[in-house]
Amino acid sequence: MRLIHHRKIIIIFFHSLGLASSWKKTCGVELAKEEAGTVNWYGLKEDEGSYSVFDTFNDEAGRDAHLNGEIAKALMAKASELFANPPQIHKINILADK
């Protein structure tokens, strides 16, 4: 295990009202590629209709920019159409990794 400089993480859990293909399009993978502060972006499927997004950032500024950026604006503008419930956003700090 190596200690790292408190990498910042966001995990967002949500239940989609649409199909997985529309979920992929609306989650912003292409927009995330353009964000300088987003180190990694993962879209995860737990089961049918249950998804998560896992993002990593090197610092709080990158995480805040993402949470207040174009992806968040686009998703919130269509939240009632896309999500069965409001997304659950968890801000987590990684202290060590291997």
C-alpha atoms as a PDB file:
ATOM      1  CA  MET A   1       0.000   0.000   0.000  1.00  0.00           C
ATOM      2  CA  ARG A   2       1.233   3.479  -0.756  1.00  0.00           C
ATOM      3  CA  LEU A   3       0.021   6.676   0.776  1.00  0.00           C
ATOM      4  CA  ILE A   4      -1.227   9.201  -1.718  1.00  0.00           C
ATOM      5  CA  HIS A   5      -2.088  12.839  -1.455  1.00  0.00           C
ATOM      6  CA  HIS A   6      -5.765  12.551  -0.505  1.00  0.00           C
ATOM      7  CA  ARG A   7      -7.175  12.035  -4.008  1.00  0.00           C
ATOM      8  CA  LYS A   8     -10.744  13.300  -4.190  1.00  0.00           C
ATOM      9  CA  ILE A   9     -13.598  11.083  -5.324  1.00  0.00           C
ATOM     10  CA  ILE A  10     -17.253  11.499  -6.146  1.00  0.00           C
ATOM     11  CA  ILE A  11     -19.586   8.527  -6.235  1.00  0.00           C
ATOM     12  CA  ILE A  12     -23.098   9.179  -7.523  1.00  0.00           C
ATOM     13  CA  PHE A  13     -25.761   6.476  -7.162  1.00  0.00           C
ATOM     14  CA  PHE A  14     -29.005   6.688  -9.125  1.00  0.00           C
ATOM     15  CA  HIS A  15     -31.892   4.727 -10.585  1.00  0.00           C
ATOM     16  CA  SER A  16     -32.523   5.487 -14.226  1.00  0.00           C
ATOM     17  CA  LEU A  17     -35.956   5.813 -15.798  1.00  0.00           C
ATOM     18  CA  GLY A  18     -34.496   5.128 -19.251  1.00  0.00           C
ATOM     19  CA  LEU A  19     -32.480   2.486 -21.012  1.00  0.00           C
ATOM     20  CA  ALA A  20     -28.788   1.866 -20.374  1.00  0.00           C
ATOM     21  CA  SER A  21     -27.884   3.370 -23.747  1.00  0.00           C
ATOM     22  CA  SER A  22     -29.598   6.643 -22.895  1.00  0.00           C
ATOM     23  CA  TRP A  23     -27.956   6.554 -19.458  1.00  0.00           C
ATOM     24  CA  LYS A  24     -24.509   6.335 -21.058  1.00  0.00           C
ATOM     25  CA  LYS A  25     -25.251   9.308 -23.290  1.00  0.00           C
ATOM     26  CA  THR A  26     -26.666  11.453 -20.499  1.00  0.00           C
ATOM     27  CA  CYS A  27     -23.975  10.765 -17.905  1.00  0.00           C
ATOM     28  CA  GLY A  28     -21.477  12.957 -19.649  1.00  0.00           C
ATOM     29  CA  VAL A  29     -18.537  10.703 -20.483  1.00  0.00           C
ATOM     30  CA  GLU A  30     -17.677  12.937 -23.438  1.00  0.00           C
ATOM     31  CA  LEU A  31     -17.963  16.074 -21.314  1.00  0.00           C
ATOM     32  CA  ALA A  32     -15.846  14.455 -18.586  1.00  0.00           C
ATOM     33  CA  LYS A  33     -13.079  13.836 -21.129  1.00  0.00           C
ATOM     34  CA  GLU A  34     -12.922  17.600 -21.659  1.00  0.00           C
ATOM     35  CA  GLU A  35     -12.632  18.468 -17.955  1.00  0.00           C
ATOM     36  CA  ALA A  36      -9.026  19.187 -17.028  1.00  0.00           C
ATOM     37  CA  GLY A  37      -9.642  18.402 -13.347  1.00  0.00           C
ATOM     38  CA  THR A  38     -11.290  14.998 -13.889  1.00  0.00           C
ATOM     39  CA  VAL A  39      -8.576  12.314 -13.660  1.00  0.00           C
ATOM     40  CA  ASN A  40     -10.799   9.241 -14.106  1.00  0.00           C
ATOM     41  CA  TRP A  41     -14.480   8.760 -14.934  1.00  0.00           C
ATOM     42  CA  TYR A  42     -16.248   5.398 -14.643  1.00  0.00           C
ATOM     43  CA  GLY A  43     -19.865   4.512 -15.381  1.00  0.00           C
ATOM     44  CA  LEU A  44     -21.024   1.450 -13.424  1.00  0.00           C
ATOM     45  CA  LYS A  45     -24.119  -0.742 -13.681  1.00  0.00           C
ATOM     46  CA  GLU A  46     -25.259  -2.534 -10.523  1.00  0.00           C
ATOM     47  CA  ASP A  47     -28.416  -4.108 -11.962  1.00  0.00           C
ATOM     48  CA  GLU A  48     -31.151  -3.133 -14.391  1.00  0.00           C
ATOM     49  CA  GLY A  49     -31.912   0.525 -13.782  1.00  0.00           C
ATOM     50  CA  SER A  50     -29.322   0.968 -10.977  1.00  0.00           C
ATOM     51  CA  TYR A  51     -26.170   2.830 -11.935  1.00  0.00           C
ATOM     52  CA  SER A  52     -23.271   4.726 -10.426  1.00  0.00           C
ATOM     53  CA  VAL A  53     -20.693   7.180 -11.629  1.00  0.00           C
ATOM     54  CA  PHE A  54     -17.250   7.074 -10.013  1.00  0.00           C
ATOM     55  CA  ASP A  55     -14.995  10.094 -10.668  1.00  0.00           C
ATOM     56  CA  THR A  56     -11.507  10.884  -9.349  1.00  0.00           C
ATOM     57  CA  PHE A  57      -9.834  14.272  -8.990  1.00  0.00           C
ATOM     58  CA  ASN A  58      -6.419  15.385  -7.740  1.00  0.00           C
ATOM     59  CA  ASP A  59      -7.798  18.227  -5.661  1.00  0.00           C
ATOM     60  CA  GLU A  60     -10.914  19.878  -4.289  1.00  0.00           C
ATOM     61  CA  ALA A  61     -10.879  22.499  -7.055  1.00  0.00           C
ATOM     62  CA  GLY A  62     -11.228  19.799  -9.728  1.00  0.00           C
ATOM     63  CA  ARG A  63     -14.023  18.097  -7.818  1.00  0.00           C
ATOM     64  CA  ASP A  64     -15.879  21.379  -7.274  1.00  0.00           C
ATOM     65  CA  ALA A  65     -15.479  22.338 -10.933  1.00  0.00           C
ATOM     66  CA  HIS A  66     -17.000  19.004 -11.925  1.00  0.00           C
ATOM     67  CA  LEU A  67     -19.920  19.277  -9.487  1.00  0.00           C
ATOM     68  CA  ASN A  68     -20.679  22.792 -10.739  1.00  0.00           C
ATOM     69  CA  GLY A  69     -19.825  22.199 -14.402  1.00  0.00           C
ATOM     70  CA  GLU A  70     -21.600  21.353 -17.619  1.00  0.00           C
ATOM     71  CA  ILE A  71     -22.323  17.707 -16.740  1.00  0.00           C
ATOM     72  CA  ALA A  72     -24.107  18.645 -13.516  1.00  0.00           C
ATOM     73  CA  LYS A  73     -26.064  21.403 -15.253  1.00  0.00           C
ATOM     74  CA  ALA A  74     -27.156  19.071 -18.065  1.00  0.00           C
ATOM     75  CA  LEU A  75     -28.197  16.295 -15.693  1.00  0.00           C
ATOM     76  CA  MET A  76     -30.075  18.551 -13.292  1.00  0.00           C
ATOM     77  CA  ALA A  77     -31.955  20.176 -16.179  1.00  0.00           C
ATOM     78  CA  LYS A  78     -33.384  16.732 -17.085  1.00  0.00           C
ATOM     79  CA  ALA A  79     -33.353  15.078 -13.643  1.00  0.00           C
ATOM     80  CA  SER A  80     -37.090  14.394 -13.532  1.00  0.00           C
ATOM     81  CA  GLU A  81     -36.914  12.697 -16.957  1.00  0.00           C
ATOM     82  CA  LEU A  82     -33.785  10.641 -16.230  1.00  0.00           C
ATOM     83  CA  PHE A  83     -33.955   9.567 -12.593  1.00  0.00           C
ATOM     84  CA  ALA A  84     -36.517   7.634 -10.567  1.00  0.00           C
ATOM     85  CA  ASN A  85     -35.153   9.326  -7.407  1.00  0.00           C
ATOM     86  CA  PRO A  86     -32.756  12.211  -6.818  1.00  0.00           C
ATOM     87  CA  PRO A  87     -29.130  11.042  -7.321  1.00  0.00           C
ATOM     88  CA  GLN A  88     -27.162  10.339  -4.137  1.00  0.00           C
ATOM     89  CA  ILE A  89     -23.820  12.171  -4.254  1.00  0.00           C
ATOM     90  CA  HIS A  90     -21.000  11.025  -1.973  1.00  0.00           C
ATOM     91  CA  LYS A  91     -17.764  13.042  -1.681  1.00  0.00           C
ATOM     92  CA  ILE A  92     -14.962  10.707  -0.587  1.00  0.00           C
ATOM     93  CA  ASN A  93     -11.207  11.149  -0.074  1.00  0.00           C
ATOM     94  CA  ILE A  94      -8.800   8.306  -0.850  1.00  0.00           C
ATOM     95  CA  LEU A  95      -6.076   8.161   1.772  1.00  0.00           C
ATOM     96  CA  ALA A  96      -4.051   5.235   0.396  1.00  0.00           C
ATOM     97  CA  ASP A  97      -4.039   2.799  -2.510  1.00  0.00           C
ATOM     98  CA  LYS A  98      -2.047  -0.139  -3.832  1.00  0.00           C
END
